[in-house]
Amino acid sequence: MVPEAEHQRTPLVSVIIPSLDGHRNGAVPRLLESVRRQTFQDFEVHVVKGVSPQGRAINRGADMARGEILLILDDDSEVADETVFAALVETLRKNPTVGMAGASIVVAPDATPFQRRAAAQFPRFQTPVVDTITDSDLACHGCCAFPRKVFEEVGREREDILRGLDPDLRVRLRAAGYRVVLVPHARIYHPMPDGWRNLVRIFFRNGYGSAYARRFRPDSVYETHEALHDATFRPRTSLVYRLARFPLRLLKALARGRFMRFIAYTSYAFGYGWGLFTAREMDRAS
């Protein structure tokens, strides 16, 4: 979707929203309304419908984009205030070493009690709002912006993985010498699943996608970090290390009373196992 007025000139920013149906139970209209309220208005909007996986949808949006800055939004997110776009653009224009400028994820005012409890147990869904530009692994596709030339330089989004776009792109950006940062006072709402069924389904899907990547695209498998600062973070660890750590994570979740986290991790493990089984069947069929 490109506003009619934008056809008359080239915008500075191209907003790309990948969405399977362009609606997502009302989330996309709410997102677009929050976009329309931005104080920064030099942008066009592309809602990329019915294209998967997500990396291919974002690349399709980049093909249509005319702006020199690409701003990606998940279709179930919502911009928390009117100054987010301005803050992202200012950070990129004043800091040429920044390759990815992201917004912090905060809990929405209308979040359900279940979503609030879940966000408290998963730090990537309740990230600190920073006062200064902060190098962090917590920047993500929920809301982030790139200079278009940097996006092209690092090879765009991968189209051959089901999950894990965020860590893969962050690693490639840093390898090319660019910073991945959270932007001061930039906030979005990106809700946790509401209810046990949705929570289990999401983490099962993530586990399946991780197994697929491990089997067919092992070069795309990276860690994600839950702390704000990334100075000691190692994005690549061995499979043996990850397998040995997993039961410890389950025990730690139980010991701390984080039962949502325990159930989510267990669901992830079942999804991972199903993904490995499916991969073997695919190998046999071929």
Protein backbone atom coordinates (compact mmCIF):
# COMPACT_ATOMS: atom_id res chain seq x y z
CA MET A 1 0.00 0.00 0.00
CA VAL A 2 1.47 3.31 -1.08
CA PRO A 3 -0.36 6.54 -0.15
CA GLU A 4 -1.49 8.32 -3.33
CA ALA A 5 0.39 11.50 -2.48
CA GLU A 6 3.65 9.58 -2.31
CA HIS A 7 3.52 8.90 -6.05
CA GLN A 8 4.41 12.57 -6.63
CA ARG A 9 7.84 12.43 -5.00
CA THR A 10 10.46 10.07 -3.66
CA PRO A 11 10.07 9.50 0.09
CA LEU A 12 13.02 9.24 2.44
CA VAL A 13 11.66 6.14 4.18
CA SER A 14 9.93 3.03 2.90
CA VAL A 15 7.92 1.18 5.54
CA ILE A 16 7.65 -2.57 4.87
CA ILE A 17 5.06 -4.71 6.69
CA PRO A 18 5.06 -8.41 5.77
CA SER A 19 1.66 -9.96 6.47
CA LEU A 20 0.08 -13.18 5.26
CA ASP A 21 -3.43 -11.71 4.96
CA GLY A 22 -2.96 -7.97 5.46
CA HIS A 23 -5.27 -7.96 8.48
CA ARG A 24 -4.18 -10.41 11.20
CA ASN A 25 -7.40 -10.20 13.20
CA GLY A 26 -7.34 -6.41 13.21
CA ALA A 27 -3.67 -6.01 14.16
CA VAL A 28 -2.64 -4.55 10.78
CA PRO A 29 -5.25 -1.77 10.77
CA ARG A 30 -4.19 -0.84 14.32
CA LEU A 31 -0.56 -0.80 13.24
CA LEU A 32 -1.30 1.39 10.22
CA GLU A 33 -3.22 3.83 12.40
CA SER A 34 -0.19 4.16 14.69
CA VAL A 35 1.97 4.72 11.62
CA ARG A 36 -0.30 7.49 10.39
CA ARG A 37 0.10 9.31 13.72
CA GLN A 38 3.88 9.67 13.39
CA THR A 39 5.34 13.18 13.52
CA PHE A 40 7.78 12.14 10.78
CA GLN A 41 5.73 11.81 7.60
CA ASP A 42 8.25 11.47 4.76
CA PHE A 43 7.49 7.81 4.09
CA GLU A 44 5.61 5.36 1.92
CA VAL A 45 4.03 2.10 3.16
CA HIS A 46 4.16 -1.33 1.55
CA VAL A 47 2.04 -4.08 3.12
CA VAL A 48 3.39 -7.25 1.50
CA LYS A 49 0.59 -9.83 1.56
CA GLY A 50 0.66 -13.59 1.09
CA VAL A 51 4.42 -13.97 0.70
CA SER A 52 6.42 -16.38 2.85
CA PRO A 53 8.77 -16.97 4.47
CA GLN A 54 9.20 -13.58 6.13
CA GLY A 55 12.61 -12.94 4.57
CA ARG A 56 11.18 -13.24 1.06
CA ALA A 57 8.30 -10.91 1.98
CA ILE A 58 10.69 -8.25 3.27
CA ASN A 59 12.84 -8.53 0.15
CA ARG A 60 9.72 -8.19 -2.00
CA GLY A 61 8.91 -5.00 -0.13
CA ALA A 62 12.47 -3.75 -0.67
CA ASP A 63 12.03 -4.35 -4.41
CA MET A 64 9.03 -1.99 -4.40
CA ALA A 65 10.58 0.53 -2.01
CA ARG A 66 11.81 3.92 -3.20
CA GLY A 67 13.20 5.31 0.05
CA GLU A 68 16.85 5.38 1.08
CA ILE A 69 15.87 4.03 4.50
CA LEU A 70 13.92 0.78 4.95
CA LEU A 71 11.79 0.53 8.08
CA ILE A 72 10.45 -2.94 8.93
CA LEU A 73 7.43 -3.59 11.16
CA ASP A 74 5.94 -6.92 12.22
CA ASP A 75 2.26 -7.06 11.37
CA ASP A 76 1.27 -7.74 14.99
CA SER A 77 3.27 -4.83 16.42
CA GLU A 78 2.10 -1.27 17.09
CA VAL A 79 4.13 1.92 17.28
CA ALA A 80 3.88 3.11 20.90
CA ASP A 81 4.13 6.87 20.35
CA GLU A 82 4.29 9.49 17.61
CA THR A 83 8.06 10.08 17.66
CA VAL A 84 9.41 6.59 16.94
CA PHE A 85 9.98 7.05 13.20
CA ALA A 86 11.69 10.40 13.79
CA ALA A 87 14.01 8.83 16.37
CA LEU A 88 14.96 5.91 14.12
CA VAL A 89 15.66 8.16 11.13
CA GLU A 90 17.66 10.66 13.18
CA THR A 91 19.84 7.87 14.59
CA LEU A 92 20.65 6.48 11.15
CA ARG A 93 21.33 9.88 9.56
CA LYS A 94 23.60 11.10 12.37
CA ASN A 95 25.45 7.80 12.89
CA PRO A 96 26.74 6.28 9.64
CA THR A 97 28.22 3.28 11.47
CA VAL A 98 24.75 2.15 12.58
CA GLY A 99 23.41 -0.55 10.26
CA MET A 100 20.30 -1.50 12.21
CA ALA A 101 18.35 0.85 14.49
CA GLY A 102 15.68 -0.85 16.58
CA ALA A 103 12.94 0.10 19.01
CA SER A 104 12.46 -1.39 22.47
CA ILE A 105 9.47 -3.67 23.03
CA VAL A 106 7.21 -2.69 25.90
CA VAL A 107 3.95 -4.10 27.24
CA ALA A 108 0.87 -2.51 25.69
CA PRO A 109 -1.61 -0.72 27.99
CA ASP A 110 -4.37 -3.10 26.88
CA ALA A 111 -2.32 -6.28 27.36
CA THR A 112 -4.15 -9.09 29.14
CA PRO A 113 -2.96 -10.40 32.52
CA PHE A 114 -1.65 -13.52 30.73
CA GLN A 115 0.37 -11.42 28.29
CA ARG A 116 1.81 -9.31 31.11
CA ARG A 117 2.93 -12.39 33.04
CA ALA A 118 4.42 -13.90 29.90
CA ALA A 119 6.30 -10.73 28.97
CA ALA A 120 7.85 -10.65 32.43
CA GLN A 121 9.24 -14.16 31.85
CA PHE A 122 10.61 -13.54 28.34
CA PRO A 123 12.99 -10.53 28.36
CA ARG A 124 12.97 -10.12 24.59
CA PHE A 125 9.29 -9.14 24.83
CA GLN A 126 9.85 -6.55 27.54
CA THR A 127 13.10 -4.78 26.71
CA PRO A 128 14.53 -1.75 28.52
CA VAL A 129 13.85 1.66 27.00
CA VAL A 130 17.28 3.29 26.62
CA ASP A 131 18.32 6.91 27.07
CA THR A 132 21.32 6.74 24.73
CA ILE A 133 22.13 4.83 21.56
CA THR A 134 22.90 1.35 22.88
CA ASP A 135 24.58 -1.54 21.09
CA SER A 136 22.30 -4.48 21.79
CA ASP A 137 21.19 -7.84 20.45
CA LEU A 138 17.62 -6.91 21.41
CA ALA A 139 17.04 -4.88 18.22
CA CYS A 140 14.68 -6.92 16.05
CA HIS A 141 12.31 -6.96 13.09
CA GLY A 142 9.39 -5.96 15.32
CA CYS A 143 10.44 -2.41 14.49
CA CYS A 144 13.82 -1.57 12.96
CA ALA A 145 15.33 0.57 10.23
CA PHE A 146 18.32 0.16 7.90
CA PRO A 147 19.99 2.39 5.36
CA ARG A 148 18.98 0.80 2.08
CA LYS A 149 22.58 0.68 0.85
CA VAL A 150 23.59 -1.28 3.98
CA PHE A 151 20.68 -3.68 3.53
CA GLU A 152 21.84 -4.39 -0.02
CA GLU A 153 25.51 -4.54 0.97
CA VAL A 154 25.02 -7.37 3.47
CA GLY A 155 22.91 -9.43 1.06
CA ARG A 156 19.36 -8.49 2.13
CA GLU A 157 17.19 -10.93 4.09
CA ARG A 158 17.62 -14.67 3.76
CA GLU A 159 14.77 -16.38 1.95
CA ASP A 160 15.83 -19.95 2.73
CA ILE A 161 15.09 -20.10 6.48
CA LEU A 162 11.77 -20.36 8.29
CA ARG A 163 12.87 -18.77 11.55
CA GLY A 164 15.89 -16.86 12.83
CA LEU A 165 15.97 -13.84 10.52
CA ASP A 166 16.89 -11.50 13.37
CA PRO A 167 20.06 -13.21 14.65
CA ASP A 168 21.25 -14.00 11.14
CA LEU A 169 20.94 -10.42 9.94
CA ARG A 170 22.48 -8.99 13.11
CA VAL A 171 25.54 -11.23 12.67
CA ARG A 172 25.98 -10.23 9.02
CA LEU A 173 25.66 -6.54 9.84
CA ARG A 174 28.28 -6.72 12.58
CA ALA A 175 30.58 -8.77 10.37
CA ALA A 176 30.39 -5.97 7.78
CA GLY A 177 31.46 -3.44 10.43
CA TYR A 178 28.06 -1.95 11.31
CA ARG A 179 26.48 -1.41 14.71
CA VAL A 180 23.17 -2.93 15.79
CA VAL A 181 21.53 -0.61 18.30
CA LEU A 182 18.46 0.29 20.29
CA VAL A 183 17.36 3.88 19.76
CA PRO A 184 16.72 6.23 22.71
CA HIS A 185 13.06 6.43 23.78
CA ALA A 186 11.84 4.46 20.74
CA ARG A 187 9.11 2.02 21.83
CA ILE A 188 6.73 -0.43 20.22
CA TYR A 189 4.10 -2.85 21.46
CA HIS A 190 4.70 -6.41 20.30
CA PRO A 191 2.43 -8.65 22.35
CA MET A 192 3.13 -12.10 23.66
CA PRO A 193 0.60 -14.80 22.68
CA ASP A 194 -2.59 -14.53 24.70
CA GLY A 195 -3.41 -17.89 26.31
CA TRP A 196 -1.70 -21.23 26.76
CA ARG A 197 -2.75 -22.66 23.41
CA ASN A 198 -1.21 -19.79 21.46
CA LEU A 199 1.94 -19.79 23.61
CA VAL A 200 2.50 -23.50 23.05
CA ARG A 201 1.78 -23.20 19.32
CA ILE A 202 4.23 -20.33 18.82
CA PHE A 203 7.10 -22.05 20.61
CA PHE A 204 6.41 -25.38 18.89
CA ARG A 205 6.62 -23.54 15.58
CA ASN A 206 9.86 -21.87 16.62
CA GLY A 207 11.36 -25.19 17.63
CA TYR A 208 10.35 -26.71 14.31
CA GLY A 209 11.91 -23.81 12.43
CA SER A 210 15.12 -24.13 14.44
CA ALA A 211 15.39 -27.84 13.61
CA TYR A 212 14.81 -27.10 9.94
CA ALA A 213 17.59 -24.52 9.98
CA ARG A 214 19.94 -26.87 11.85
CA ARG A 215 19.38 -29.62 9.28
CA PHE A 216 19.27 -27.65 6.03
CA ARG A 217 20.85 -24.24 6.79
CA PRO A 218 23.25 -24.79 9.71
CA ASP A 219 25.16 -21.61 8.83
CA SER A 220 22.06 -19.61 9.85
CA VAL A 221 21.79 -20.99 13.40
CA TYR A 222 22.75 -18.41 16.00
CA GLU A 223 22.09 -17.68 19.65
CA THR A 224 19.82 -14.91 20.86
CA HIS A 225 20.73 -12.75 23.83
CA GLU A 226 18.37 -11.71 26.64
CA ALA A 227 20.54 -9.02 28.26
CA LEU A 228 20.53 -5.40 27.13
CA HIS A 229 24.24 -5.08 26.42
CA ASP A 230 26.02 -7.38 23.99
CA ALA A 231 29.69 -6.93 24.90
CA THR A 232 30.14 -10.54 26.11
CA PHE A 233 27.58 -12.15 23.81
CA ARG A 234 28.69 -15.03 21.56
CA PRO A 235 26.25 -15.61 18.69
CA ARG A 236 27.68 -19.00 17.71
CA THR A 237 27.77 -22.00 20.02
CA SER A 238 28.05 -25.74 19.37
CA LEU A 239 25.08 -28.09 19.17
CA VAL A 240 26.55 -30.11 22.05
CA TYR A 241 26.63 -27.00 24.22
CA ARG A 242 23.05 -26.10 23.36
CA LEU A 243 21.79 -29.62 24.07
CA ALA A 244 23.61 -29.78 27.41
CA ARG A 245 22.29 -26.36 28.42
CA PHE A 246 18.65 -27.05 27.58
CA PRO A 247 17.71 -29.21 30.62
CA LEU A 248 19.49 -26.67 32.84
CA ARG A 249 17.26 -23.96 31.39
CA LEU A 250 14.19 -26.04 32.19
CA LEU A 251 15.33 -26.60 35.77
CA LYS A 252 16.19 -22.92 36.17
CA ALA A 253 12.74 -21.90 34.93
CA LEU A 254 11.09 -24.25 37.45
CA ALA A 255 13.33 -23.13 40.30
CA ARG A 256 12.39 -19.50 39.68
CA GLY A 257 8.70 -20.22 39.37
CA ARG A 258 8.64 -19.24 35.70
CA PHE A 259 6.14 -21.88 34.64
CA MET A 260 5.20 -20.16 31.38
CA ARG A 261 8.86 -20.25 30.40
CA PHE A 262 9.07 -23.93 31.35
CA ILE A 263 6.03 -24.84 29.25
CA ALA A 264 7.27 -22.74 26.33
CA TYR A 265 10.70 -24.38 26.38
CA THR A 266 9.09 -27.82 26.56
CA SER A 267 6.90 -26.99 23.57
CA TYR A 268 9.97 -25.74 21.73
CA ALA A 269 11.69 -29.09 22.40
CA PHE A 270 8.74 -31.03 20.99
CA GLY A 271 8.72 -28.77 17.92
CA TYR A 272 12.45 -29.27 17.49
CA GLY A 273 12.01 -33.04 17.70
CA TRP A 274 9.19 -32.96 15.16
CA GLY A 275 11.35 -30.83 12.88
CA LEU A 276 14.19 -33.36 13.03
CA PHE A 277 11.77 -36.20 12.28
CA THR A 278 10.28 -34.31 9.35
CA ALA A 279 13.77 -33.54 8.01
CA ARG A 280 14.68 -37.23 8.05
CA GLU A 281 11.50 -38.09 6.19
CA MET A 282 12.31 -35.44 3.60
CA ASP A 283 15.77 -36.92 3.17
CA ARG A 284 14.33 -40.39 2.65
CA ALA A 285 11.79 -39.10 0.13
CA SER A 286 14.56 -37.45 -1.87
